[in-house]
Amino acid sequence: MNGFHETLDLLELLVFKNLCLTKSSTMTGLVQDQELRDILEQDALKTRRQVERLQSLLAERGEQI
């Protein structure tokens, strides 16, 4: 049963990280301050990598994403 809960946790993290990615990507196009835009772009890049890693972990568990 423990594996099931871990899978649910991974899915919850994936949903959260996808939301974060959407917000960072959207806000990047709206801000005018270059420093803030750079921060948001870096955040989106890191978050995209995290999403890919979570998807990989779920795939290893045999979950359909």
Protein backbone atom coordinates (compact mmCIF):
# COMPACT_ATOMS: atom_id res chain seq x y z
CA MET A 1 0.00 0.00 0.00
CA ASN A 2 2.93 2.31 0.63
CA GLY A 3 3.80 2.40 -3.08
CA PHE A 4 0.30 3.55 -3.92
CA HIS A 5 0.58 6.55 -1.59
CA GLU A 6 3.97 7.45 -3.01
CA THR A 7 2.52 7.37 -6.50
CA LEU A 8 -0.29 9.69 -5.40
CA ASP A 9 2.30 12.02 -3.87
CA LEU A 10 4.24 12.07 -7.14
CA LEU A 11 1.06 12.84 -9.07
CA GLU A 12 0.21 15.66 -6.67
CA LEU A 13 3.70 17.13 -7.08
CA LEU A 14 3.42 16.84 -10.86
CA VAL A 15 0.13 18.76 -10.87
CA PHE A 16 1.62 21.44 -8.61
CA LYS A 17 4.79 21.79 -10.69
CA ASN A 18 2.79 22.03 -13.91
CA LEU A 19 0.78 24.85 -12.34
CA CYS A 20 4.01 26.58 -11.30
CA LEU A 21 5.38 26.21 -14.83
CA THR A 22 2.22 27.67 -16.33
CA LYS A 23 2.35 30.66 -13.97
CA SER A 24 6.05 31.36 -14.56
CA SER A 25 5.65 31.07 -18.33
CA THR A 26 2.59 33.31 -18.37
CA MET A 27 4.10 35.94 -16.11
CA THR A 28 7.31 36.03 -18.15
CA GLY A 29 5.36 37.50 -21.05
CA LEU A 30 3.69 40.10 -18.85
CA VAL A 31 6.57 41.60 -16.86
CA GLN A 32 8.58 44.51 -18.14
CA ASP A 33 11.47 44.39 -15.68
CA GLN A 34 14.30 42.46 -17.33
CA GLU A 35 15.73 41.13 -14.07
CA LEU A 36 12.35 39.74 -13.03
CA ARG A 37 11.86 38.28 -16.52
CA ASP A 38 15.24 36.53 -16.24
CA ILE A 39 14.26 35.08 -12.85
CA LEU A 40 10.96 33.80 -14.23
CA GLU A 41 12.66 32.27 -17.26
CA GLN A 42 15.16 30.46 -15.03
CA ASP A 43 12.34 29.28 -12.81
CA ALA A 44 10.43 27.95 -15.82
CA LEU A 45 13.51 26.11 -17.06
CA LYS A 46 14.17 24.47 -13.68
CA THR A 47 10.51 23.63 -13.21
CA ARG A 48 10.34 22.06 -16.67
CA ARG A 49 13.24 19.78 -15.68
CA GLN A 50 11.46 18.89 -12.44
CA VAL A 51 8.28 18.04 -14.35
CA GLU A 52 10.26 15.80 -16.69
CA ARG A 53 11.87 14.04 -13.71
CA LEU A 54 8.52 13.48 -12.01
CA GLN A 55 7.11 12.10 -15.26
CA SER A 56 10.11 9.79 -15.49
CA LEU A 57 9.61 8.54 -11.95
CA LEU A 58 5.95 7.86 -12.66
CA ALA A 59 6.81 6.06 -15.89
CA GLU A 60 9.25 3.85 -13.96
CA ARG A 61 6.32 2.91 -11.73
CA GLY A 62 4.32 2.00 -14.81
CA GLU A 63 1.86 4.89 -14.46
CA GLN A 64 0.21 6.43 -17.49
CA ILE A 65 0.77 10.17 -17.62
